[in-house]
Amino acid sequence: MFALLAMAGDLGGSTGPGIVGMMKEKTGDNIQAGLFFGGIFPVTLIIFLVIFNMMKEKK
């Protein structure tokens, strides 16, 4: 279990900055656009956590 959690953390730690850099290059070296795309993932995670918590409370 700990190995899977460590692997998921390493994967997230390497793909997140890669996505930011890739989007920065595609938008003409606009770092703000790259960081915007990097910020989408944590916001999406929080939204899904709230939705799942609301579904759990309904049961």
C-alpha atoms as a PDB file:
ATOM      1  CA  MET A   1       0.000   0.000   0.000  1.00  0.00           C
ATOM      2  CA  PHE A   2       2.767   2.435   0.896  1.00  0.00           C
ATOM      3  CA  ALA A   3       4.575   1.641  -2.353  1.00  0.00           C
ATOM      4  CA  LEU A   4       1.471   2.534  -4.366  1.00  0.00           C
ATOM      5  CA  LEU A   5       1.038   5.803  -2.481  1.00  0.00           C
ATOM      6  CA  ALA A   6       4.705   6.663  -3.017  1.00  0.00           C
ATOM      7  CA  MET A   7       4.427   5.860  -6.709  1.00  0.00           C
ATOM      8  CA  ALA A   8       1.322   8.048  -7.073  1.00  0.00           C
ATOM      9  CA  GLY A   9       3.099  10.922  -5.318  1.00  0.00           C
ATOM     10  CA  ASP A  10       6.135  10.600  -7.564  1.00  0.00           C
ATOM     11  CA  LEU A  11       3.931  10.491 -10.638  1.00  0.00           C
ATOM     12  CA  GLY A  12       2.065  13.622  -9.585  1.00  0.00           C
ATOM     13  CA  GLY A  13       5.281  15.391  -8.656  1.00  0.00           C
ATOM     14  CA  SER A  14       6.775  14.774 -12.072  1.00  0.00           C
ATOM     15  CA  THR A  15       3.780  15.266 -14.349  1.00  0.00           C
ATOM     16  CA  GLY A  16       2.506  18.471 -12.715  1.00  0.00           C
ATOM     17  CA  PRO A  17       5.554  20.600 -13.516  1.00  0.00           C
ATOM     18  CA  GLY A  18       5.780  18.926 -16.925  1.00  0.00           C
ATOM     19  CA  ILE A  19       2.249  19.995 -17.785  1.00  0.00           C
ATOM     20  CA  VAL A  20       2.930  23.547 -16.572  1.00  0.00           C
ATOM     21  CA  GLY A  21       6.057  23.760 -18.739  1.00  0.00           C
ATOM     22  CA  MET A  22       4.333  22.263 -21.774  1.00  0.00           C
ATOM     23  CA  MET A  23       1.413  24.694 -21.538  1.00  0.00           C
ATOM     24  CA  LYS A  24       3.826  27.606 -21.006  1.00  0.00           C
ATOM     25  CA  GLU A  25       5.599  26.744 -24.237  1.00  0.00           C
ATOM     26  CA  LYS A  26       2.351  26.316 -26.179  1.00  0.00           C
ATOM     27  CA  THR A  27       1.100  29.750 -25.078  1.00  0.00           C
ATOM     28  CA  GLY A  28       4.194  31.629 -26.197  1.00  0.00           C
ATOM     29  CA  ASP A  29       6.186  31.440 -22.939  1.00  0.00           C
ATOM     30  CA  ASN A  30       3.295  32.814 -20.885  1.00  0.00           C
ATOM     31  CA  ILE A  31       4.033  31.446 -17.406  1.00  0.00           C
ATOM     32  CA  GLN A  32       0.679  32.643 -16.074  1.00  0.00           C
ATOM     33  CA  ALA A  33      -1.180  30.421 -18.531  1.00  0.00           C
ATOM     34  CA  GLY A  34       1.008  27.467 -17.570  1.00  0.00           C
ATOM     35  CA  LEU A  35       0.358  27.994 -13.876  1.00  0.00           C
ATOM     36  CA  PHE A  36      -3.361  28.338 -14.573  1.00  0.00           C
ATOM     37  CA  PHE A  37      -3.402  24.872 -16.136  1.00  0.00           C
ATOM     38  CA  GLY A  38      -1.368  23.552 -13.218  1.00  0.00           C
ATOM     39  CA  GLY A  39      -3.918  24.973 -10.780  1.00  0.00           C
ATOM     40  CA  ILE A  40      -6.843  23.232 -12.435  1.00  0.00           C
ATOM     41  CA  PHE A  41      -5.946  19.852 -10.929  1.00  0.00           C
ATOM     42  CA  PRO A  42      -6.062  20.807  -7.224  1.00  0.00           C
ATOM     43  CA  VAL A  43      -9.311  22.718  -7.762  1.00  0.00           C
ATOM     44  CA  THR A  44     -10.838  19.693  -9.502  1.00  0.00           C
ATOM     45  CA  LEU A  45      -9.712  17.457  -6.637  1.00  0.00           C
ATOM     46  CA  ILE A  46     -11.362  19.714  -4.051  1.00  0.00           C
ATOM     47  CA  ILE A  47     -14.615  19.828  -6.046  1.00  0.00           C
ATOM     48  CA  PHE A  48     -14.754  16.038  -6.307  1.00  0.00           C
ATOM     49  CA  LEU A  49     -13.967  15.624  -2.593  1.00  0.00           C
ATOM     50  CA  VAL A  50     -16.870  17.917  -1.708  1.00  0.00           C
ATOM     51  CA  ILE A  51     -19.212  16.046  -4.079  1.00  0.00           C
ATOM     52  CA  PHE A  52     -18.198  12.631  -2.716  1.00  0.00           C
ATOM     53  CA  ASN A  53     -18.578  13.876   0.858  1.00  0.00           C
ATOM     54  CA  MET A  54     -22.104  15.126   0.081  1.00  0.00           C
ATOM     55  CA  MET A  55     -22.985  11.766  -1.504  1.00  0.00           C
ATOM     56  CA  LYS A  56     -21.653   9.929   1.557  1.00  0.00           C
ATOM     57  CA  GLU A  57     -23.770  12.031   3.917  1.00  0.00           C
ATOM     58  CA  LYS A  58     -26.962  11.268   1.960  1.00  0.00           C
ATOM     59  CA  LYS A  59     -26.683   7.530   2.650  1.00  0.00           C
END
